[in-house]
Protein backbone atom coordinates (compact mmCIF):
# COMPACT_ATOMS: atom_id res chain seq x y z
CA UNK A 1 -8.10 41.51 9.60
CA UNK A 2 -5.15 38.96 7.47
CA UNK A 3 -3.81 36.08 7.96
CA UNK A 4 -0.72 34.08 7.42
CA UNK A 5 0.74 31.33 5.97
CA UNK A 6 0.78 29.73 9.82
CA UNK A 7 -3.05 30.19 10.44
CA UNK A 8 -3.94 28.24 7.30
CA UNK A 9 -1.52 25.75 8.99
CA UNK A 10 -2.98 26.05 12.15
CA UNK A 11 -6.66 25.60 10.93
CA UNK A 12 -5.98 22.47 9.44
CA UNK A 13 -4.08 21.09 12.24
CA UNK A 14 -7.13 21.64 14.33
CA UNK A 15 -10.33 21.14 12.09
CA UNK A 16 -8.28 18.17 9.93
CA UNK A 17 -9.50 20.23 6.51
CA UNK A 18 -7.89 20.80 3.07
CA UNK A 19 -5.88 23.74 2.80
CA UNK A 20 -7.50 25.45 0.33
CA UNK A 21 -10.65 25.22 2.03
CA UNK A 22 -9.07 26.44 5.39
CA UNK A 23 -7.28 29.76 3.20
CA UNK A 24 -11.32 30.40 2.27
CA UNK A 25 -12.49 30.33 5.17
CA UNK A 26 -10.20 32.47 6.83
CA UNK A 27 -10.55 34.65 3.92
CA UNK A 28 -14.93 34.84 3.82
CA UNK A 29 -14.11 35.77 8.05
CA UNK A 30 -11.61 38.28 7.13
CA UNK A 31 -8.72 36.08 9.22
CA UNK A 32 -11.16 35.44 12.15
CA UNK A 33 -9.36 31.88 13.48
CA UNK A 34 -12.49 30.95 15.67
CA UNK A 35 -15.10 31.97 12.63
CA UNK A 36 -13.03 30.25 10.41
CA UNK A 37 -13.53 27.15 12.30
CA UNK A 38 -17.08 27.45 12.59
CA UNK A 39 -17.88 28.07 8.82
CA UNK A 40 -15.50 24.87 7.89
CA UNK A 41 -17.54 22.66 11.41
CA UNK A 42 -20.68 24.76 9.17
CA UNK A 43 -20.21 22.91 5.99
CA UNK A 44 -18.86 19.96 7.27
CA UNK A 45 -15.08 20.38 6.97
CA UNK A 46 -14.35 20.24 10.25
CA UNK A 47 -15.96 16.25 10.62
CA UNK A 48 -12.82 14.36 9.29
CA UNK A 49 -10.67 15.56 12.84
CA UNK A 50 -13.27 13.32 14.74
CA UNK A 51 -12.65 10.37 12.50
CA UNK A 52 -9.04 10.48 12.06
CA UNK A 53 -8.33 8.66 15.47
CA UNK A 54 -11.24 5.98 13.88
CA UNK A 55 -9.58 2.12 12.46
CA UNK A 56 -9.24 2.12 9.08
CA UNK A 57 -8.57 -1.25 7.56
CA UNK A 58 -10.70 -1.93 4.43
CA UNK A 59 -10.96 0.01 1.63
CA UNK A 60 -9.09 -0.51 -2.25
CA UNK A 61 -5.65 -0.69 -3.26
CA UNK A 62 -5.10 0.65 -6.77
CA UNK A 63 -2.19 -0.08 -8.79
CA UNK A 64 -1.14 2.20 -12.06
CA UNK A 65 1.42 2.08 -15.03
CA UNK A 66 2.85 4.88 -17.79
CA UNK A 67 5.74 3.28 -19.82
CA UNK A 68 8.19 2.14 -17.69
CA UNK A 69 7.03 3.43 -14.17
CA UNK A 70 4.43 1.60 -12.49
CA UNK A 71 2.99 2.69 -8.59
CA UNK A 72 0.98 0.88 -6.30
CA UNK A 73 -1.23 3.06 -3.31
CA UNK A 74 -3.09 1.54 -0.65
CA UNK A 75 -6.03 3.77 0.67
CA UNK A 76 -7.94 2.47 4.42
CA UNK A 77 -11.35 3.61 4.48
CA UNK A 78 -13.50 1.62 8.14
CA UNK A 79 -15.62 -0.45 6.18
CA UNK A 80 -15.97 -3.23 2.89
CA UNK A 81 -18.99 -1.15 1.90
CA UNK A 82 -17.23 2.02 1.11
CA UNK A 83 -14.90 0.43 -0.90
CA UNK A 84 -17.74 -0.54 -2.85
CA UNK A 85 -18.45 3.71 -3.22
CA UNK A 86 -18.17 5.31 -6.81
CA UNK A 87 -17.29 8.48 -5.07
CA UNK A 88 -14.55 6.38 -3.31
CA UNK A 89 -13.46 4.39 -6.25
CA UNK A 90 -12.87 7.42 -8.51
CA UNK A 91 -11.06 8.58 -5.12
CA UNK A 92 -8.71 5.68 -4.79
CA UNK A 93 -7.63 5.60 -8.82
CA UNK A 94 -7.53 9.30 -9.58
CA UNK A 95 -5.27 9.29 -6.86
CA UNK A 96 -2.99 6.40 -7.63
CA UNK A 97 -2.87 8.21 -11.30
CA UNK A 98 -1.31 10.97 -9.17
CA UNK A 99 1.02 9.49 -7.61
CA UNK A 100 2.79 8.14 -10.93
CA UNK A 101 3.42 11.46 -11.20
CA UNK A 102 5.07 12.25 -8.15
CA UNK A 103 7.46 9.23 -8.27
CA UNK A 104 8.79 8.02 -4.67
CA UNK A 105 7.34 6.43 -2.34
CA UNK A 106 6.75 10.09 -0.20
CA UNK A 107 2.68 9.81 1.36
CA UNK A 108 2.96 13.53 2.66
CA UNK A 109 4.02 13.65 -1.16
CA UNK A 110 1.33 12.65 -2.97
CA UNK A 111 -0.72 14.65 -0.56
CA UNK A 112 0.20 17.49 -2.16
CA UNK A 113 -0.03 16.08 -5.75
CA UNK A 114 -3.13 18.30 -7.29
CA UNK A 115 -5.90 16.49 -7.69
CA UNK A 116 -7.60 16.35 -11.34
CA UNK A 117 -10.72 17.98 -10.29
CA UNK A 118 -9.16 20.71 -8.21
CA UNK A 119 -7.19 21.45 -5.03
CA UNK A 120 -4.82 18.92 -3.59
CA UNK A 121 -5.24 15.12 -3.15
CA UNK A 122 -5.26 16.01 -0.09
CA UNK A 123 -7.89 18.46 0.27
CA UNK A 124 -9.94 15.53 -1.60
CA UNK A 125 -9.38 12.86 0.69
CA UNK A 126 -10.52 15.40 3.46
CA UNK A 127 -13.47 16.35 1.45
CA UNK A 128 -14.60 12.38 1.29
CA UNK A 129 -14.23 11.73 4.77
CA UNK A 130 -16.86 14.77 4.99
CA UNK A 131 -18.71 13.56 2.82
CA UNK A 132 -18.97 9.51 3.05
CA UNK A 133 -18.97 10.20 6.73
CA UNK A 134 -16.26 7.91 7.94
CA UNK A 135 -12.22 7.70 8.09
CA UNK A 136 -10.42 7.58 5.19
CA UNK A 137 -6.07 7.42 4.81
CA UNK A 138 -3.53 7.22 2.32
CA UNK A 139 -1.84 4.32 3.77
CA UNK A 140 1.57 3.72 1.53
CA UNK A 141 2.25 4.20 -1.38
CA UNK A 142 5.35 1.95 -3.80
CA UNK A 143 6.33 2.94 -7.03
CA UNK A 144 8.75 0.78 -9.80
CA UNK A 145 10.91 1.46 -12.70
CA UNK A 146 12.49 -0.30 -15.07
CA UNK A 147 14.89 1.73 -17.90
CA UNK A 148 14.15 -0.65 -20.66
CA UNK A 149 11.34 -3.62 -20.32
CA UNK A 150 8.04 -3.79 -19.19
CA UNK A 151 5.67 -3.39 -15.82
CA UNK A 152 3.51 -5.72 -15.71
CA UNK A 153 -0.04 -4.98 -13.06
CA UNK A 154 -1.69 -7.55 -11.83
CA UNK A 155 -5.35 -7.54 -9.41
CA UNK A 156 -6.55 -10.75 -7.92
CA UNK A 157 -10.30 -10.50 -7.27
CA UNK A 158 -10.44 -7.16 -8.73
CA UNK A 159 -13.89 -4.84 -7.52
CA UNK A 160 -13.19 -2.90 -10.38
CA UNK A 161 -10.62 -1.81 -13.13
CA UNK A 162 -7.12 -1.93 -11.57
CA UNK A 163 -9.05 -1.34 -7.82
CA UNK A 164 -9.27 -4.55 -5.31
CA UNK A 165 -8.06 -5.99 -2.46
CA UNK A 166 -4.01 -7.67 -3.46
CA UNK A 167 -2.57 -5.31 -6.18
CA UNK A 168 1.09 -6.56 -7.89
CA UNK A 169 3.29 -4.84 -10.12
CA UNK A 170 6.16 -6.80 -11.23
CA UNK A 171 9.76 -4.69 -13.04
CA UNK A 172 11.31 -6.70 -15.60
CA UNK A 173 14.37 -5.02 -17.46
CA UNK A 174 15.07 -6.01 -20.90
CA UNK A 175 15.10 -5.43 -24.19
CA UNK A 176 12.59 -8.88 -25.13
CA UNK A 177 9.19 -8.20 -27.40
CA UNK A 178 7.31 -6.56 -25.16
CA UNK A 179 4.11 -9.28 -25.40
CA UNK A 180 7.24 -12.12 -24.15
CA UNK A 181 7.95 -9.37 -20.70
CA UNK A 182 3.54 -9.03 -21.04
CA UNK A 183 2.91 -12.77 -20.43
CA UNK A 184 6.06 -13.56 -17.91
CA UNK A 185 5.23 -10.53 -16.19
CA UNK A 186 1.42 -11.75 -15.36
CA UNK A 187 2.52 -16.14 -14.55
CA UNK A 188 5.08 -13.98 -11.81
CA UNK A 189 2.07 -11.69 -10.99
CA UNK A 190 0.03 -14.02 -9.95
CA UNK A 191 2.94 -16.72 -8.18
CA UNK A 192 3.82 -12.63 -5.78
CA UNK A 193 -0.07 -12.77 -5.03
CA UNK A 194 -0.44 -16.67 -3.67
CA UNK A 195 3.32 -16.85 -2.61
CA UNK A 196 3.04 -13.44 -0.67
CA UNK A 197 7.33 -13.11 -1.12
CA UNK A 198 8.85 -10.77 1.30
CA UNK A 199 11.58 -9.29 -0.51
CA UNK A 200 13.18 -10.05 -3.66
CA UNK A 201 15.73 -12.52 -2.81
CA UNK A 202 17.35 -13.40 0.84
CA UNK A 203 20.13 -10.69 1.24
CA UNK A 204 17.08 -7.60 0.98
CA UNK A 205 14.53 -9.72 3.65
CA UNK A 206 14.72 -7.75 6.72
CA UNK A 207 17.14 -8.09 9.32
CA UNK A 208 14.63 -8.24 12.22
CA UNK A 209 13.01 -10.89 10.83
CA UNK A 210 15.88 -13.45 10.22
CA UNK A 211 17.13 -12.20 13.58
CA UNK A 212 13.42 -13.69 14.90
CA UNK A 213 13.62 -17.02 12.77
CA UNK A 214 17.29 -16.63 14.16
CA UNK A 215 15.94 -17.21 17.97
CA UNK A 216 12.90 -19.33 16.99
CA UNK A 217 15.50 -21.97 15.37
CA UNK A 218 18.44 -21.41 18.53
CA UNK A 219 15.12 -22.17 20.73
CA UNK A 220 14.28 -25.95 18.98
CA UNK A 221 18.06 -26.29 18.64
CA UNK A 222 18.59 -26.49 22.43
CA UNK A 223 15.15 -28.27 22.91
CA UNK A 224 17.41 -31.43 21.38
CA UNK A 225 19.98 -31.17 23.75
CA UNK A 226 22.44 -32.01 20.69
CA UNK A 227 26.19 -30.33 20.98
CA UNK A 228 26.38 -26.63 20.50
CA UNK A 229 28.12 -27.07 17.47
CA UNK A 230 25.61 -29.44 15.46
CA UNK A 231 22.50 -26.55 17.33
CA UNK A 232 24.44 -24.03 15.17
CA UNK A 233 24.33 -26.01 11.97
CA UNK A 234 20.59 -26.32 12.51
CA UNK A 235 20.11 -22.83 13.44
CA UNK A 236 21.98 -22.08 9.74
CA UNK A 237 20.07 -24.09 8.11
CA UNK A 238 16.68 -23.55 9.61
CA UNK A 239 17.94 -19.65 8.17
CA UNK A 240 18.66 -20.91 4.78
CA UNK A 241 15.55 -22.74 4.55
CA UNK A 242 13.23 -19.73 5.75
CA UNK A 243 15.45 -17.20 2.89
CA UNK A 244 14.50 -19.86 0.33
CA UNK A 245 11.06 -19.63 1.21
CA UNK A 246 10.09 -15.91 1.44
CA UNK A 247 12.50 -14.40 -1.80
CA UNK A 248 9.94 -14.05 -4.77
CA UNK A 249 13.60 -15.74 -7.02
CA UNK A 250 14.17 -18.34 -4.72
CA UNK A 251 10.67 -19.79 -4.30
CA UNK A 252 9.03 -22.64 -6.18
CA UNK A 253 6.82 -21.49 -9.03
CA UNK A 254 3.54 -22.10 -7.74
CA UNK A 255 2.21 -23.68 -10.82
CA UNK A 256 4.64 -26.76 -11.27
CA UNK A 257 6.19 -26.19 -7.02
CA UNK A 258 9.45 -27.21 -8.47
CA UNK A 259 11.06 -24.73 -10.34
CA UNK A 260 12.38 -21.78 -9.09
CA UNK A 261 11.35 -18.32 -9.94
CA UNK A 262 15.24 -17.11 -11.29
CA UNK A 263 15.25 -20.32 -13.29
CA UNK A 264 11.82 -19.72 -14.68
CA UNK A 265 13.15 -15.39 -15.82
CA UNK A 266 16.22 -17.46 -17.12
CA UNK A 267 14.11 -19.86 -19.02
CA UNK A 268 12.15 -16.56 -20.93
CA UNK A 269 15.37 -14.79 -21.82
CA UNK A 270 16.85 -17.78 -23.40
CA UNK A 271 13.84 -18.59 -25.31
CA UNK A 272 13.15 -14.86 -26.11
CA UNK A 273 16.99 -14.73 -26.83
CA UNK A 274 17.41 -11.37 -24.77
CA UNK A 275 18.52 -11.50 -21.32
CA UNK A 276 15.47 -10.88 -18.84
CA UNK A 277 15.78 -9.62 -15.43
CA UNK A 278 13.56 -9.51 -12.56
CA UNK A 279 14.59 -6.18 -11.10
CA UNK A 280 11.68 -5.21 -8.63
CA UNK A 281 8.07 -5.75 -7.72
CA UNK A 282 5.31 -4.56 -5.66
CA UNK A 283 2.29 -6.67 -3.13
CA UNK A 284 0.12 -4.81 -1.44
CA UNK A 285 -2.29 -6.65 0.06
CA UNK A 286 -5.47 -4.40 1.15
CA UNK A 287 -5.19 -3.89 5.52
CA UNK A 288 -2.21 -6.36 5.78
CA UNK A 289 -0.47 -5.39 9.31
CA UNK A 290 -3.50 -2.86 10.44
CA UNK A 291 -4.90 -4.59 14.05
CA UNK A 292 -8.66 -4.46 13.43
CA UNK A 293 -10.73 -3.47 15.87
CA UNK A 294 -13.16 -6.14 16.96
CA UNK A 295 -16.67 -4.65 17.88
CA UNK A 296 -19.29 -6.74 19.72
CA UNK A 297 -22.49 -4.80 18.58
CA UNK A 298 -25.00 -6.61 20.95
CA UNK A 299 -22.81 -6.03 24.19
CA UNK A 300 -22.24 -2.10 22.74
CA UNK A 301 -26.29 -2.09 22.58
CA UNK A 302 -26.82 -3.77 26.15
CA UNK A 303 -24.15 -1.36 27.86
CA UNK A 304 -25.98 1.56 26.66
CA UNK A 305 -29.15 0.16 27.33
CA UNK A 306 -27.55 -0.54 31.17
CA UNK A 307 -26.58 3.47 30.93
């Protein structure tokens, strides 16, 4: 019995197994769909689908750099224990290296990319879920590039080389010597890890965040009972302060807490005799924005005993 690409797609959706595993199962069962499902289940490869609904907020962030391109990838697991697993660490490392080859920030494109040991990154991820026994997800990717200059990586509290919980990339566009950019980039990367900027400059800040801050500021201003014209100035002042504190270039350097990052970059360029532009950055903190499920183990046991 022959099978089609649609059969492969349906089998993947039904079982959560990788494309190559689905093709192999359909081939081995002569295109019998249900027999292929059973074959994947017997190999443990269909187990991934059952685990996909479980919250994955632990894991690792990986960073990699090649020439004037850098990439950060976050891969989540259910427990911190898995993040210490050598198989999981190898996967995050290989997936991050694969992300360098595709460019862009498309998770699906990364899953479709070739994996060093065969198949695709997505196939390797599915195999990991089946063999390690926890839900794992490639959550996000961010690529930064410069036409000339340097991409400087930094991993805060690294679990392994270029793997950890807070990964940073700093993109410096310049003709300045590499050693100058390396030193500057590492200092700025450490600042980014500590200060958590939300955007490169004020214009890049998320409009929804600005609107939320504006509403909060407006409520505070209204409580003051001052004239509307004064309230408007209070709101504008609050928004300007928010932008200054959350845009990287206007943040005060954590080393001295008085020099704006833009000035730090300009001074380094002046000393090197070459203009330096802080073009972009990435700061990935593991699990940020994911609502973690808090489990009361004692309550679960008590409920199970009670029937």
